[in-house]
Amino acid sequence: MEETWHGYVGVQRRGVIALPAELRQRLHLDEPGAQVEITERGDGVLELRPALPVPADQAWFWTEHWQNREREVDEHVTSGRVTVHASTDDFLAHVDAVADGTG
């Protein structure tokens, strides 16, 4: 069953509203750069949608560990420590050779 929330939040004098902590955490709105998209419908309903700078299903790519590995690859490319293969067959032969210790 999909989690949902229903309740009331106060509107402060300057128009500020505070979303409950459990909702912010579940929707990743407690992450840096998170925003909420707001749409006013013709029937008077306000729709709020979480808007993350990076989609939640892609956040793994921006973790410190993954970014360190990306920098390592960039260093290999910059220093010329790469192998270019003319075809998929050449590439697969190279992978097999590395796997069996002969490459």
Protein backbone atom coordinates (compact mmCIF):
# COMPACT_ATOMS: atom_id res chain seq x y z
CA MET A 1 0.00 0.00 0.00
CA GLU A 2 1.30 3.44 -0.94
CA GLU A 3 2.13 5.75 1.97
CA THR A 4 0.08 8.91 2.10
CA TRP A 5 -0.28 11.78 4.52
CA HIS A 6 -3.23 13.95 5.40
CA GLY A 7 -3.24 16.70 7.94
CA TYR A 8 -3.01 20.40 8.50
CA VAL A 9 -0.03 22.74 8.63
CA GLY A 10 -0.07 26.32 9.78
CA VAL A 11 0.71 29.22 7.49
CA GLN A 12 3.02 31.69 9.19
CA ARG A 13 2.73 35.44 8.74
CA ARG A 14 5.15 35.60 5.75
CA GLY A 15 3.46 32.65 4.02
CA VAL A 16 5.89 30.04 5.32
CA ILE A 17 4.61 26.52 5.91
CA ALA A 18 6.55 23.71 7.57
CA LEU A 19 6.08 20.18 6.29
CA PRO A 20 6.16 17.41 8.92
CA ALA A 21 9.59 15.79 9.35
CA GLU A 22 8.37 12.29 8.39
CA LEU A 23 7.02 13.65 5.11
CA ARG A 24 10.18 15.64 4.33
CA GLN A 25 12.34 12.58 4.96
CA ARG A 26 10.20 10.14 2.97
CA LEU A 27 10.06 12.51 -0.02
CA HIS A 28 13.75 13.45 0.29
CA LEU A 29 12.82 17.09 0.86
CA ASP A 30 15.37 17.24 3.69
CA GLU A 31 18.19 17.01 1.13
CA PRO A 32 20.16 20.09 0.01
CA GLY A 33 18.59 21.88 -2.92
CA ALA A 34 15.18 20.25 -2.55
CA GLN A 35 12.23 22.37 -3.62
CA VAL A 36 8.46 22.02 -3.76
CA GLU A 37 6.59 22.74 -6.99
CA ILE A 38 3.21 24.35 -6.38
CA THR A 39 0.32 24.43 -8.83
CA GLU A 40 -2.93 26.29 -8.25
CA ARG A 41 -5.79 24.48 -9.94
CA GLY A 42 -8.92 26.18 -11.23
CA ASP A 43 -10.99 24.46 -8.53
CA GLY A 44 -8.96 26.14 -5.75
CA VAL A 45 -6.84 23.10 -4.91
CA LEU A 46 -3.12 23.69 -4.34
CA GLU A 47 -0.98 20.77 -5.52
CA LEU A 48 2.49 20.38 -4.00
CA ARG A 49 5.07 18.13 -5.68
CA PRO A 50 8.57 17.39 -4.41
CA ALA A 51 11.19 18.67 -6.82
CA LEU A 52 14.69 17.36 -6.25
CA PRO A 53 17.73 18.68 -8.08
CA VAL A 54 18.68 15.04 -8.72
CA PRO A 55 15.95 12.41 -9.09
CA ALA A 56 15.97 10.11 -6.06
CA ASP A 57 16.58 7.00 -8.21
CA GLN A 58 19.79 8.61 -9.54
CA ALA A 59 21.13 9.90 -6.22
CA TRP A 60 23.58 6.96 -5.96
CA PHE A 61 25.61 8.50 -8.80
CA TRP A 62 26.22 11.65 -6.75
CA THR A 63 27.42 9.90 -3.59
CA GLU A 64 30.98 10.72 -2.53
CA HIS A 65 32.09 7.10 -3.17
CA TRP A 66 30.77 7.06 -6.74
CA GLN A 67 32.15 10.51 -7.53
CA ASN A 68 35.60 9.43 -6.27
CA ARG A 69 35.47 6.49 -8.69
CA GLU A 70 34.42 8.84 -11.52
CA ARG A 71 37.45 11.05 -10.76
CA GLU A 72 39.71 7.96 -10.89
CA VAL A 73 38.38 7.13 -14.35
CA ASP A 74 38.93 10.73 -15.48
CA GLU A 75 42.55 10.51 -14.28
CA HIS A 76 43.07 7.28 -16.25
CA VAL A 77 41.64 8.86 -19.40
CA THR A 78 43.67 12.06 -18.99
CA SER A 79 46.91 10.14 -18.48
CA GLY A 80 46.23 7.81 -21.43
CA ARG A 81 45.85 4.67 -19.30
CA VAL A 82 42.98 3.37 -21.43
CA THR A 83 42.57 0.79 -24.16
CA VAL A 84 40.49 1.49 -27.24
CA HIS A 85 39.02 -1.52 -29.02
CA ALA A 86 38.17 -1.58 -32.71
CA SER A 87 35.16 -3.83 -32.22
CA THR A 88 32.94 -5.44 -29.65
CA ASP A 89 34.67 -8.78 -30.30
CA ASP A 90 38.08 -7.24 -29.54
CA PHE A 91 36.69 -5.75 -26.34
CA LEU A 92 35.15 -9.05 -25.21
CA ALA A 93 38.38 -10.91 -25.98
CA HIS A 94 40.24 -8.37 -23.82
CA VAL A 95 37.73 -8.81 -20.97
CA ASP A 96 38.15 -12.60 -21.18
CA ALA A 97 41.95 -12.27 -21.14
CA VAL A 98 41.83 -10.02 -18.07
CA ALA A 99 39.41 -12.41 -16.35
CA ASP A 100 41.65 -15.45 -16.91
CA GLY A 101 44.84 -13.57 -16.01
CA THR A 102 46.46 -13.57 -19.45
CA GLY A 103 45.61 -9.96 -20.36
